[in-house]
């Protein structure tokens, strides 16, 4: 054969694929590199390379492309070598004999003619062997299916590394991200990847834009994704319940990663990606800022409620400006006392950014409302490293329930500038009020923003003290 197969490890129970062996079910390529290619490249005498797949169909596809590329390279290099030795280009009959003999530069016609015939025979052998190789690793009919490509992509993504560190997704993050691929499969069916077009991807984007937010009722009650994909195709979901444009854009990024980065640029299984040239418009609907009167209405509404996790989550948001996740992740031990300034404070260990780690004084109004008494009752006979608020499984429930509160206060969903009111609007209102009354760096530190415009002299001084933050919090009067 043109490219000799090395002895391979038996592939028990799976299709035998030339030029491969298996380890733990994963296919590996092993092939001897022709000498002429070794001389013109940096390839080793024997190529061993993991194909990073357990799928025989994918392995055959990869081997086929590699062997054909190797054959093309050898033909090109041999033709170049022969052409360099001939004084002019030599042509051949179909039987492999020279149609016209070309003189070599040696001046000995008889010797040159014999060498030319030898070269013609070698070229004919080369062509025959190349055709045999094509049939030997012929791609299975139908090509790679979308489901197989997605599974191969998942394996590749988990093994992907960056700067020596694993870049694979955690199980939880992967599950959330791979739902986009489930939608892709449900919308298109298990098609041959080469049959997927840009129009197909656009149709999937249309489905995504009409998908519901699946962590709210009634959509969270039915986990069957196919039900909501079918509903999205017929546009049955109310506009208020549709996913954001940001969610659609994130899904499209996943599709670009699959088709462009993985299938086209990494595995060379596609000549061009169906996502090429497509664009998803992303319009971030920014948050509205509550007015002072609206803040007073929200505070009065919850101050009258009986003690509950949700009551104190809202009131903490109104008097600290902390992010939803910062409050959700507070522990019992996060409520502390600073004897130097005689004030209780919240210690936020971390959050969205590095600047999220900070101390936030507890507003005197919160203490007067009974927040410290609430914490004391919860702390009795409990591990202080447990969460302060245990009624919510995820922080997303905070946002959905807050909307109910706003409806009862007749606060609209959006303001005149088409910005929406949500739990994050508390943070906007707090920051707006703090910025109007305090030193810029101080309020940045309290709300967990990266400190900007910090003078050189301040870098060499100690951290801000808790008492420095008191005026920042105490200016909030609602």
Protein backbone atom coordinates (compact mmCIF):
# COMPACT_ATOMS: atom_id res chain seq x y z
CA UNK A 1 0.00 0.00 0.00
CA UNK A 2 1.02 3.61 -0.52
CA UNK A 3 1.04 4.47 3.18
CA UNK A 4 1.90 1.27 5.10
CA UNK A 5 -0.24 0.51 8.14
CA UNK A 6 1.69 -0.17 11.31
CA UNK A 7 0.61 -3.01 13.55
CA UNK A 8 -2.30 -1.80 15.67
CA UNK A 9 -3.80 -2.73 19.00
CA UNK A 10 -6.90 -4.91 18.45
CA UNK A 11 -10.13 -2.91 18.41
CA UNK A 12 -12.43 -5.38 20.08
CA UNK A 13 -16.13 -4.82 19.51
CA UNK A 14 -15.64 -1.69 17.36
CA UNK A 15 -15.07 -1.20 13.61
CA UNK A 16 -11.45 -1.77 12.53
CA UNK A 17 -10.12 1.45 11.07
CA UNK A 18 -6.80 1.53 9.16
CA UNK A 19 -3.99 3.62 10.61
CA UNK A 20 -5.54 3.62 14.11
CA UNK A 21 -5.42 1.88 17.45
CA UNK A 22 -7.46 2.40 20.62
CA UNK A 23 -6.76 3.14 24.25
CA UNK A 24 -9.67 3.11 26.68
CA UNK A 25 -11.98 3.36 23.69
CA UNK A 26 -10.32 6.51 22.30
CA UNK A 27 -8.99 6.29 18.73
CA UNK A 28 -5.34 7.16 18.03
CA UNK A 29 -3.77 7.77 14.63
CA UNK A 30 -0.51 5.89 13.90
CA UNK A 31 1.05 6.06 10.44
CA UNK A 32 4.52 5.96 8.90
CA UNK A 33 5.43 9.24 7.21
CA UNK A 34 6.99 8.83 3.72
CA UNK A 35 10.67 9.74 3.57
CA UNK A 36 10.17 12.48 0.99
CA UNK A 37 7.71 14.25 3.34
CA UNK A 38 10.08 13.85 6.29
CA UNK A 39 12.83 15.51 4.25
CA UNK A 40 10.66 18.51 3.43
CA UNK A 41 8.84 18.93 6.75
CA UNK A 42 9.42 18.57 10.47
CA UNK A 43 7.20 15.49 10.72
CA UNK A 44 8.66 12.47 12.55
CA UNK A 45 9.14 9.04 10.87
CA UNK A 46 6.05 7.75 12.68
CA UNK A 47 3.07 9.95 13.49
CA UNK A 48 1.11 9.14 16.64
CA UNK A 49 -1.77 11.41 17.56
CA UNK A 50 -4.96 11.11 19.60
CA UNK A 51 -8.10 11.71 17.55
CA UNK A 52 -9.88 12.65 20.80
CA UNK A 53 -12.99 10.64 20.00
CA UNK A 54 -14.54 7.26 20.74
CA UNK A 55 -16.83 7.48 17.72
CA UNK A 56 -15.81 5.25 14.82
CA UNK A 57 -17.62 7.53 12.37
CA UNK A 58 -15.69 10.59 13.54
CA UNK A 59 -12.41 8.64 13.56
CA UNK A 60 -12.96 7.49 9.96
CA UNK A 61 -13.68 11.06 8.91
CA UNK A 62 -10.50 12.39 10.52
CA UNK A 63 -8.31 9.56 9.20
CA UNK A 64 -9.71 9.99 5.71
CA UNK A 65 -8.87 13.68 5.64
CA UNK A 66 -5.40 13.16 7.10
CA UNK A 67 -4.40 10.35 4.74
CA UNK A 68 -5.68 12.17 1.67
CA UNK A 69 -3.80 15.29 2.72
CA UNK A 70 -0.63 13.22 3.23
CA UNK A 71 -1.03 11.60 -0.20
CA UNK A 72 -1.56 14.96 -1.88
CA UNK A 73 1.55 16.26 -0.16
CA UNK A 74 3.64 13.29 -1.33
CA UNK A 75 2.44 13.56 -4.93
CA UNK A 76 3.21 17.27 -4.97
CA UNK A 77 6.71 16.78 -3.54
CA UNK A 78 7.55 13.87 -5.91
CA UNK A 79 6.29 15.77 -8.93
CA UNK A 80 8.39 18.74 -7.90
CA UNK A 81 11.42 16.50 -7.43
CA UNK A 82 10.98 14.85 -10.84
CA UNK A 83 10.39 18.17 -12.57
CA UNK A 84 13.62 19.50 -11.12
CA UNK A 85 15.52 16.56 -12.66
CA UNK A 86 13.93 16.86 -16.12
CA UNK A 87 15.07 19.48 -18.59
CA UNK A 88 11.40 19.89 -19.58
CA UNK A 89 8.02 18.42 -18.57
CA UNK A 90 7.48 14.82 -19.70
CA UNK A 91 4.04 13.47 -20.76
CA UNK A 92 2.79 9.86 -20.62
CA UNK A 93 0.40 7.50 -22.37
CA UNK A 94 -2.44 5.86 -20.36
CA UNK A 95 -0.33 2.70 -20.08
CA UNK A 96 2.33 4.60 -18.21
CA UNK A 97 4.91 4.67 -21.04
CA UNK A 98 6.44 8.00 -22.04
CA UNK A 99 4.64 9.79 -24.85
CA UNK A 100 7.76 11.82 -25.52
CA UNK A 101 11.16 11.19 -24.00
CA UNK A 102 12.85 14.24 -22.58
CA UNK A 103 16.62 14.51 -22.44
CA UNK A 104 18.36 14.80 -19.11
CA UNK A 105 21.22 17.19 -18.62
CA UNK A 106 23.81 14.38 -18.57
CA UNK A 107 24.16 14.34 -22.37
CA UNK A 108 23.80 10.51 -22.51
CA UNK A 109 20.50 10.02 -24.36
CA UNK A 110 20.26 6.27 -23.80
CA UNK A 111 20.83 6.57 -20.07
CA UNK A 112 18.44 9.52 -19.78
CA UNK A 113 15.71 7.63 -21.67
CA UNK A 114 15.98 4.63 -19.36
CA UNK A 115 15.72 6.86 -16.32
CA UNK A 116 12.69 8.63 -17.78
CA UNK A 117 10.88 5.32 -18.27
CA UNK A 118 11.63 4.35 -14.67
CA UNK A 119 10.19 7.64 -13.47
CA UNK A 120 7.02 7.15 -15.53
CA UNK A 121 6.46 3.73 -13.95
CA UNK A 122 6.93 5.22 -10.48
CA UNK A 123 4.40 7.91 -11.22
CA UNK A 124 1.85 5.36 -12.44
CA UNK A 125 2.32 3.26 -9.28
CA UNK A 126 1.84 6.40 -7.25
CA UNK A 127 -1.50 7.16 -8.91
CA UNK A 128 -2.79 3.58 -8.47
CA UNK A 129 -1.80 3.48 -4.81
CA UNK A 130 -3.44 6.84 -4.20
CA UNK A 131 -6.74 5.55 -5.60
CA UNK A 132 -6.56 2.42 -3.41
CA UNK A 133 -5.99 4.55 -0.32
CA UNK A 134 -9.06 6.65 -1.10
CA UNK A 135 -11.22 3.52 -1.17
CA UNK A 136 -9.59 2.03 1.91
CA UNK A 137 -10.64 4.88 4.18
CA UNK A 138 -13.74 5.93 2.26
CA UNK A 139 -16.04 8.04 4.40
CA UNK A 140 -19.14 6.25 5.59
CA UNK A 141 -22.26 7.23 3.71
CA UNK A 142 -24.13 10.13 5.26
CA UNK A 143 -21.17 11.85 6.97
CA UNK A 144 -21.07 13.03 10.58
CA UNK A 145 -24.40 13.71 12.22
CA UNK A 146 -25.07 16.80 14.32
CA UNK A 147 -25.51 14.75 17.51
CA UNK A 148 -22.10 13.11 16.98
CA UNK A 149 -20.47 16.48 16.34
CA UNK A 150 -21.94 17.85 19.56
CA UNK A 151 -20.66 14.89 21.60
CA UNK A 152 -17.19 15.27 20.06
CA UNK A 153 -17.31 18.99 20.84
CA UNK A 154 -18.18 18.31 24.48
CA UNK A 155 -15.19 15.96 24.85
CA UNK A 156 -12.91 18.51 23.21
CA UNK A 157 -14.23 21.35 25.37
CA UNK A 158 -13.66 19.41 28.59
CA UNK A 159 -10.07 18.59 27.58
CA UNK A 160 -9.27 22.05 26.25
CA UNK A 161 -6.48 23.78 28.16
CA UNK A 162 -5.16 27.30 28.41
CA UNK A 163 -1.74 28.19 29.80
CA UNK A 164 -1.41 24.74 31.29
CA UNK A 165 -4.64 24.99 33.29
CA UNK A 166 -7.83 23.12 32.55
CA UNK A 167 -10.31 25.31 30.74
CA UNK A 168 -13.13 22.78 30.69
CA UNK A 169 -16.48 23.77 32.10
CA UNK A 170 -17.73 22.55 35.45
CA UNK A 171 -20.57 20.02 35.32
CA UNK A 172 -23.10 22.65 36.40
CA UNK A 173 -21.91 25.27 33.92
CA UNK A 174 -21.65 22.72 31.12
CA UNK A 175 -25.22 21.52 31.71
CA UNK A 176 -26.53 25.08 31.47
CA UNK A 177 -24.53 25.88 28.33
CA UNK A 178 -25.25 22.60 26.53
CA UNK A 179 -29.00 23.20 26.70
CA UNK A 180 -28.35 25.49 23.72
CA UNK A 181 -27.19 22.45 21.76
CA UNK A 182 -30.29 20.50 22.79
CA UNK A 183 -32.36 23.32 21.31
CA UNK A 184 -30.21 23.19 18.16
CA UNK A 185 -30.89 19.45 17.78
CA UNK A 186 -34.60 19.79 18.46
CA UNK A 187 -34.94 22.67 16.00
CA UNK A 188 -32.94 21.13 13.12
CA UNK A 189 -33.08 17.40 13.74
CA UNK A 190 -30.04 15.11 13.59
CA UNK A 191 -28.82 16.37 10.21
CA UNK A 192 -25.53 15.74 8.42
CA UNK A 193 -23.29 18.62 9.53
CA UNK A 194 -22.38 19.40 5.91
CA UNK A 195 -26.08 19.88 5.10
CA UNK A 196 -26.55 22.60 7.74
CA UNK A 197 -26.75 26.04 6.17
CA UNK A 198 -26.75 29.61 7.33
CA UNK A 199 -30.52 29.67 6.80
CA UNK A 200 -30.81 26.72 9.22
CA UNK A 201 -28.88 28.62 11.89
CA UNK A 202 -31.08 31.68 11.35
CA UNK A 203 -34.16 29.51 11.88
CA UNK A 204 -32.68 28.26 15.17
CA UNK A 205 -32.01 31.85 16.25
CA UNK A 206 -35.66 32.62 15.54
CA UNK A 207 -36.66 29.70 17.80
CA UNK A 208 -34.32 30.94 20.55
CA UNK A 209 -35.79 34.45 20.40
CA UNK A 210 -39.24 32.98 21.04
CA UNK A 211 -38.23 30.63 23.88
CA UNK A 212 -39.62 31.28 27.38
CA UNK A 213 -37.65 32.06 30.54
CA UNK A 214 -37.66 28.53 31.92
CA UNK A 215 -37.03 29.31 35.61
CA UNK A 216 -40.43 30.93 36.12
CA UNK A 217 -43.90 29.42 36.24
CA UNK A 218 -45.46 27.76 34.35
CA UNK A 219 -42.37 26.98 32.27
CA UNK A 220 -40.32 25.61 35.16
CA UNK A 221 -43.03 23.01 35.83
CA UNK A 222 -42.38 21.20 32.54
CA UNK A 223 -38.76 20.13 32.01
CA UNK A 224 -39.44 18.71 28.52
CA UNK A 225 -37.48 21.11 26.32
CA UNK A 226 -39.17 19.87 23.15
CA UNK A 227 -42.51 21.29 24.37
CA UNK A 228 -41.10 24.81 24.57
CA UNK A 229 -39.18 24.50 21.29
CA UNK A 230 -42.44 23.56 19.56
CA UNK A 231 -44.19 26.48 21.27
CA UNK A 232 -41.38 28.82 20.18
CA UNK A 233 -41.70 27.70 16.56
CA UNK A 234 -45.38 28.66 16.58
CA UNK A 235 -44.74 31.76 18.71
CA UNK A 236 -47.10 30.80 21.49
CA UNK A 237 -45.07 32.34 24.34
CA UNK A 238 -46.23 35.77 25.62
CA UNK A 239 -43.75 38.56 24.90
CA UNK A 240 -43.25 39.33 28.60
CA UNK A 241 -42.04 35.76 29.21
CA UNK A 242 -39.45 35.59 26.39
CA UNK A 243 -35.73 35.22 27.05
CA UNK A 244 -33.52 38.29 26.74
CA UNK A 245 -31.51 39.13 23.63
CA UNK A 246 -28.41 38.51 25.74
CA UNK A 247 -29.47 34.87 26.18
CA UNK A 248 -29.89 34.51 22.41
CA UNK A 249 -26.48 36.04 21.75
CA UNK A 250 -24.81 33.68 24.24
CA UNK A 251 -26.41 30.70 22.47
CA UNK A 252 -25.18 31.96 19.11
CA UNK A 253 -21.65 32.19 20.54
CA UNK A 254 -21.93 28.51 21.48
CA UNK A 255 -22.96 27.67 17.91
CA UNK A 256 -20.03 29.66 16.55
CA UNK A 257 -17.72 27.72 18.85
CA UNK A 258 -19.12 24.39 17.62
CA UNK A 259 -19.23 25.06 13.88
CA UNK A 260 -16.45 27.57 13.33
CA UNK A 261 -13.84 26.93 16.02
CA UNK A 262 -14.27 23.16 16.43
CA UNK A 263 -15.63 21.64 13.21
CA UNK A 264 -14.00 24.05 10.75
CA UNK A 265 -10.77 25.40 12.24
CA UNK A 266 -9.80 22.59 14.64
CA UNK A 267 -11.05 19.34 13.09
CA UNK A 268 -11.32 20.54 9.46
CA UNK A 269 -14.57 18.64 9.02
CA UNK A 270 -16.29 21.60 7.35
CA UNK A 271 -14.96 23.85 4.60
CA UNK A 272 -16.90 26.77 6.01
CA UNK A 273 -19.08 27.25 9.06
CA UNK A 274 -22.83 27.86 8.62
CA UNK A 275 -22.51 30.58 11.27
CA UNK A 276 -20.06 32.57 9.11
CA UNK A 277 -21.36 36.01 8.20
CA UNK A 278 -24.32 35.80 10.58
CA UNK A 279 -24.87 38.33 13.34
CA UNK A 280 -27.18 38.44 16.32
CA UNK A 281 -28.16 41.91 17.48
CA UNK A 282 -27.84 42.30 21.24
CA UNK A 283 -29.80 45.04 22.88
CA UNK A 284 -29.14 45.19 26.59
CA UNK A 285 -32.19 46.61 28.30
CA UNK A 286 -30.57 48.62 31.08
CA UNK A 287 -32.09 49.00 34.52
CA UNK A 288 -34.18 51.96 35.63
CA UNK A 289 -33.33 53.89 38.78
CA UNK A 290 -35.98 54.22 41.50
CA UNK A 291 -36.84 57.74 42.57
CA UNK A 292 -36.54 58.66 46.25
CA UNK A 293 -40.30 58.38 46.62
CA UNK A 294 -40.35 54.93 45.03
CA UNK A 295 -37.58 53.83 47.38
CA UNK A 296 -39.61 55.04 50.36
CA UNK A 297 -42.63 53.13 49.07
CA UNK A 298 -40.61 49.91 48.72
CA UNK A 299 -39.05 50.29 52.19
CA UNK A 300 -42.41 51.09 53.87
CA UNK A 301 -44.02 48.12 52.13
CA UNK A 302 -41.46 45.63 53.47
CA UNK A 303 -40.90 47.23 56.87
CA UNK A 304 -44.51 46.38 57.75
CA UNK A 305 -44.11 42.73 56.80
CA UNK A 306 -43.38 39.97 59.29
CA UNK A 307 -39.81 38.73 59.55
CA UNK A 308 -38.76 36.60 56.61
CA UNK A 309 -35.70 36.04 54.49
CA UNK A 310 -37.25 37.96 51.66
CA UNK A 311 -38.12 40.98 53.78
CA UNK A 312 -34.54 41.44 54.92
CA UNK A 313 -33.05 40.72 51.49
CA UNK A 314 -35.08 43.63 50.04
CA UNK A 315 -34.32 45.99 52.91
CA UNK A 316 -30.60 45.16 52.82
CA UNK A 317 -30.65 45.93 49.11
CA UNK A 318 -32.30 49.27 49.80
CA UNK A 319 -29.81 50.30 52.50
CA UNK A 320 -26.53 48.86 51.15
CA UNK A 321 -26.84 48.83 47.34
CA UNK A 322 -25.33 45.34 47.42
CA UNK A 323 -25.77 43.06 44.43
CA UNK A 324 -28.36 40.32 44.56
CA UNK A 325 -25.66 37.62 44.69
CA UNK A 326 -23.75 39.43 47.46
CA UNK A 327 -26.81 39.36 49.72
CA UNK A 328 -27.88 35.86 48.72
CA UNK A 329 -24.47 34.42 49.72
CA UNK A 330 -24.22 36.08 53.15
CA UNK A 331 -23.48 33.75 56.07
CA UNK A 332 -24.53 34.12 59.69
CA UNK A 333 -20.89 34.95 60.41
CA UNK A 334 -21.03 37.77 57.84
CA UNK A 335 -22.80 40.01 60.38
CA UNK A 336 -20.00 41.43 62.54
CA UNK A 337 -19.26 44.22 65.02
CA UNK A 338 -16.49 46.83 64.87
CA UNK A 339 -15.68 48.03 68.40
CA UNK A 340 -13.54 50.92 67.12
CA UNK A 341 -16.55 52.74 65.68
CA UNK A 342 -19.23 50.92 67.68
CA UNK A 343 -21.07 49.76 64.56
CA UNK A 344 -22.26 46.45 63.13
CA UNK A 345 -21.34 45.72 59.54
CA UNK A 346 -21.66 43.09 56.79
CA UNK A 347 -18.51 41.36 55.62
CA UNK A 348 -18.97 40.39 51.97
CA UNK A 349 -16.32 37.78 51.19
CA UNK A 350 -16.52 37.93 47.42
CA UNK A 351 -18.76 38.33 44.43
CA UNK A 352 -18.86 39.42 40.81
CA UNK A 353 -15.44 41.13 40.86
CA UNK A 354 -12.34 41.29 43.05
CA UNK A 355 -13.62 44.60 44.44
CA UNK A 356 -16.71 42.80 45.76
CA UNK A 357 -14.82 41.75 48.92
CA UNK A 358 -15.58 44.53 51.38
CA UNK A 359 -17.11 45.76 54.65
CA UNK A 360 -20.48 47.52 54.55
CA UNK A 361 -21.84 49.30 57.67
CA UNK A 362 -25.39 48.29 58.64
CA UNK A 363 -27.72 51.29 58.45
CA UNK A 364 -29.20 52.40 61.79
CA UNK A 365 -32.70 52.17 60.30
CA UNK A 366 -32.17 48.46 59.62
CA UNK A 367 -31.14 47.98 63.25
CA UNK A 368 -34.21 49.90 64.44
CA UNK A 369 -36.41 47.67 62.26
CA UNK A 370 -35.03 44.59 64.02
CA UNK A 371 -32.47 43.13 61.61
CA UNK A 372 -29.94 42.28 64.34
CA UNK A 373 -32.68 40.58 66.40
CA UNK A 374 -33.58 38.53 63.32
CA UNK A 375 -29.95 37.43 62.90
CA UNK A 376 -29.60 36.59 66.60
CA UNK A 377 -32.65 34.30 66.49
CA UNK A 378 -31.33 32.50 63.42
CA UNK A 379 -27.88 32.05 64.97
CA UNK A 380 -29.13 30.16 68.00
CA UNK A 381 -27.78 26.60 67.97
CA UNK A 382 -26.65 26.93 64.36
CA UNK A 383 -23.29 26.76 62.64
CA UNK A 384 -22.35 30.37 61.92
CA UNK A 385 -20.87 29.32 58.57
CA UNK A 386 -24.33 28.40 57.33
CA UNK A 387 -26.14 30.73 54.97
CA UNK A 388 -28.05 33.62 56.50
CA UNK A 389 -30.91 33.29 54.03
CA UNK A 390 -31.91 29.69 53.32
CA UNK A 391 -35.39 30.11 51.81
CA UNK A 392 -34.11 30.54 48.25
CA UNK A 393 -32.33 27.89 46.20
CA UNK A 394 -30.93 30.43 43.73
CA UNK A 395 -30.65 34.19 43.63
CA UNK A 396 -32.89 34.30 40.54
CA UNK A 397 -35.98 33.82 42.72
CA UNK A 398 -35.21 37.16 44.37
CA UNK A 399 -35.75 39.00 41.09
CA UNK A 400 -38.95 37.18 40.12
CA UNK A 401 -40.60 37.72 43.52
CA UNK A 402 -39.53 41.37 43.67
CA UNK A 403 -41.60 42.07 40.55
CA UNK A 404 -44.74 41.01 42.48
CA UNK A 405 -43.93 43.64 45.11
CA UNK A 406 -43.57 46.35 42.46
CA UNK A 407 -46.89 45.42 40.89
CA UNK A 408 -48.65 45.84 44.23
CA UNK A 409 -47.05 49.31 44.56
CA UNK A 410 -48.19 50.23 41.02
CA UNK A 411 -44.60 50.71 39.88
CA UNK A 412 -44.52 50.06 36.10
CA UNK A 413 -42.27 47.50 34.44
CA UNK A 414 -40.38 50.15 32.48
CA UNK A 415 -39.84 53.88 32.79
CA UNK A 416 -40.22 56.57 30.12
CA UNK A 417 -36.75 55.77 28.75
CA UNK A 418 -37.78 52.09 28.29
CA UNK A 419 -35.50 50.95 31.10
CA UNK A 420 -36.87 48.20 33.29
CA UNK A 421 -37.43 48.24 37.04
CA UNK A 422 -36.04 45.25 38.92
CA UNK A 423 -34.17 44.33 42.09
CA UNK A 424 -31.05 45.85 40.53
CA UNK A 425 -32.85 49.20 40.44
CA UNK A 426 -32.34 49.36 44.23
CA UNK A 427 -28.59 49.37 43.61
CA UNK A 428 -28.95 52.15 41.02
CA UNK A 429 -30.90 54.32 43.43
CA UNK A 430 -28.42 53.73 46.28
CA UNK A 431 -25.38 54.53 44.12
CA UNK A 432 -27.05 57.66 42.72
CA UNK A 433 -27.75 58.95 46.24
CA UNK A 434 -24.29 58.04 47.57
CA UNK A 435 -22.53 59.72 44.63
CA UNK A 436 -24.34 62.99 45.28
CA UNK A 437 -23.28 63.19 48.94
CA UNK A 438 -19.88 61.48 49.34
CA UNK A 439 -16.28 61.13 48.30
CA UNK A 440 -16.09 59.19 45.03
CA UNK A 441 -13.61 56.53 46.19
CA UNK A 442 -15.47 55.89 49.44
CA UNK A 443 -18.82 55.07 47.87
CA UNK A 444 -17.08 52.97 45.18
CA UNK A 445 -15.59 50.85 47.94
CA UNK A 446 -18.93 50.46 49.75
CA UNK A 447 -20.81 49.26 46.66
CA UNK A 448 -18.01 46.97 45.46
CA UNK A 449 -16.83 48.92 42.42
CA UNK A 450 -13.20 49.03 41.38
CA UNK A 451 -11.71 52.22 42.82
CA UNK A 452 -10.71 54.69 40.11
CA UNK A 453 -8.78 57.98 40.17
CA UNK A 454 -6.99 56.95 43.36
CA UNK A 455 -4.08 59.26 44.09
CA UNK A 456 -0.55 57.89 44.41
CA UNK A 457 -0.32 58.98 48.04
CA UNK A 458 -3.42 56.96 48.92
CA UNK A 459 -1.84 53.78 47.54
CA UNK A 460 0.84 54.01 50.25
CA UNK A 461 -1.61 54.55 53.08
CA UNK A 462 -3.66 51.95 54.90
CA UNK A 463 -7.05 50.67 53.79
CA UNK A 464 -10.12 52.77 54.52
CA UNK A 465 -11.45 52.21 58.03
CA UNK A 466 -15.05 51.21 58.66
CA UNK A 467 -15.76 54.60 60.23
CA UNK A 468 -14.82 56.20 56.88
CA UNK A 469 -17.77 54.42 55.30
CA UNK A 470 -20.39 55.48 57.86
CA UNK A 471 -21.38 58.76 56.14
CA UNK A 472 -21.74 56.86 52.84
CA UNK A 473 -24.40 54.56 54.31
CA UNK A 474 -26.05 57.06 56.66
CA UNK A 475 -26.83 59.46 53.81
CA UNK A 476 -29.52 57.04 52.61
CA UNK A 477 -32.78 58.47 53.91
CA UNK A 478 -35.85 56.59 52.77
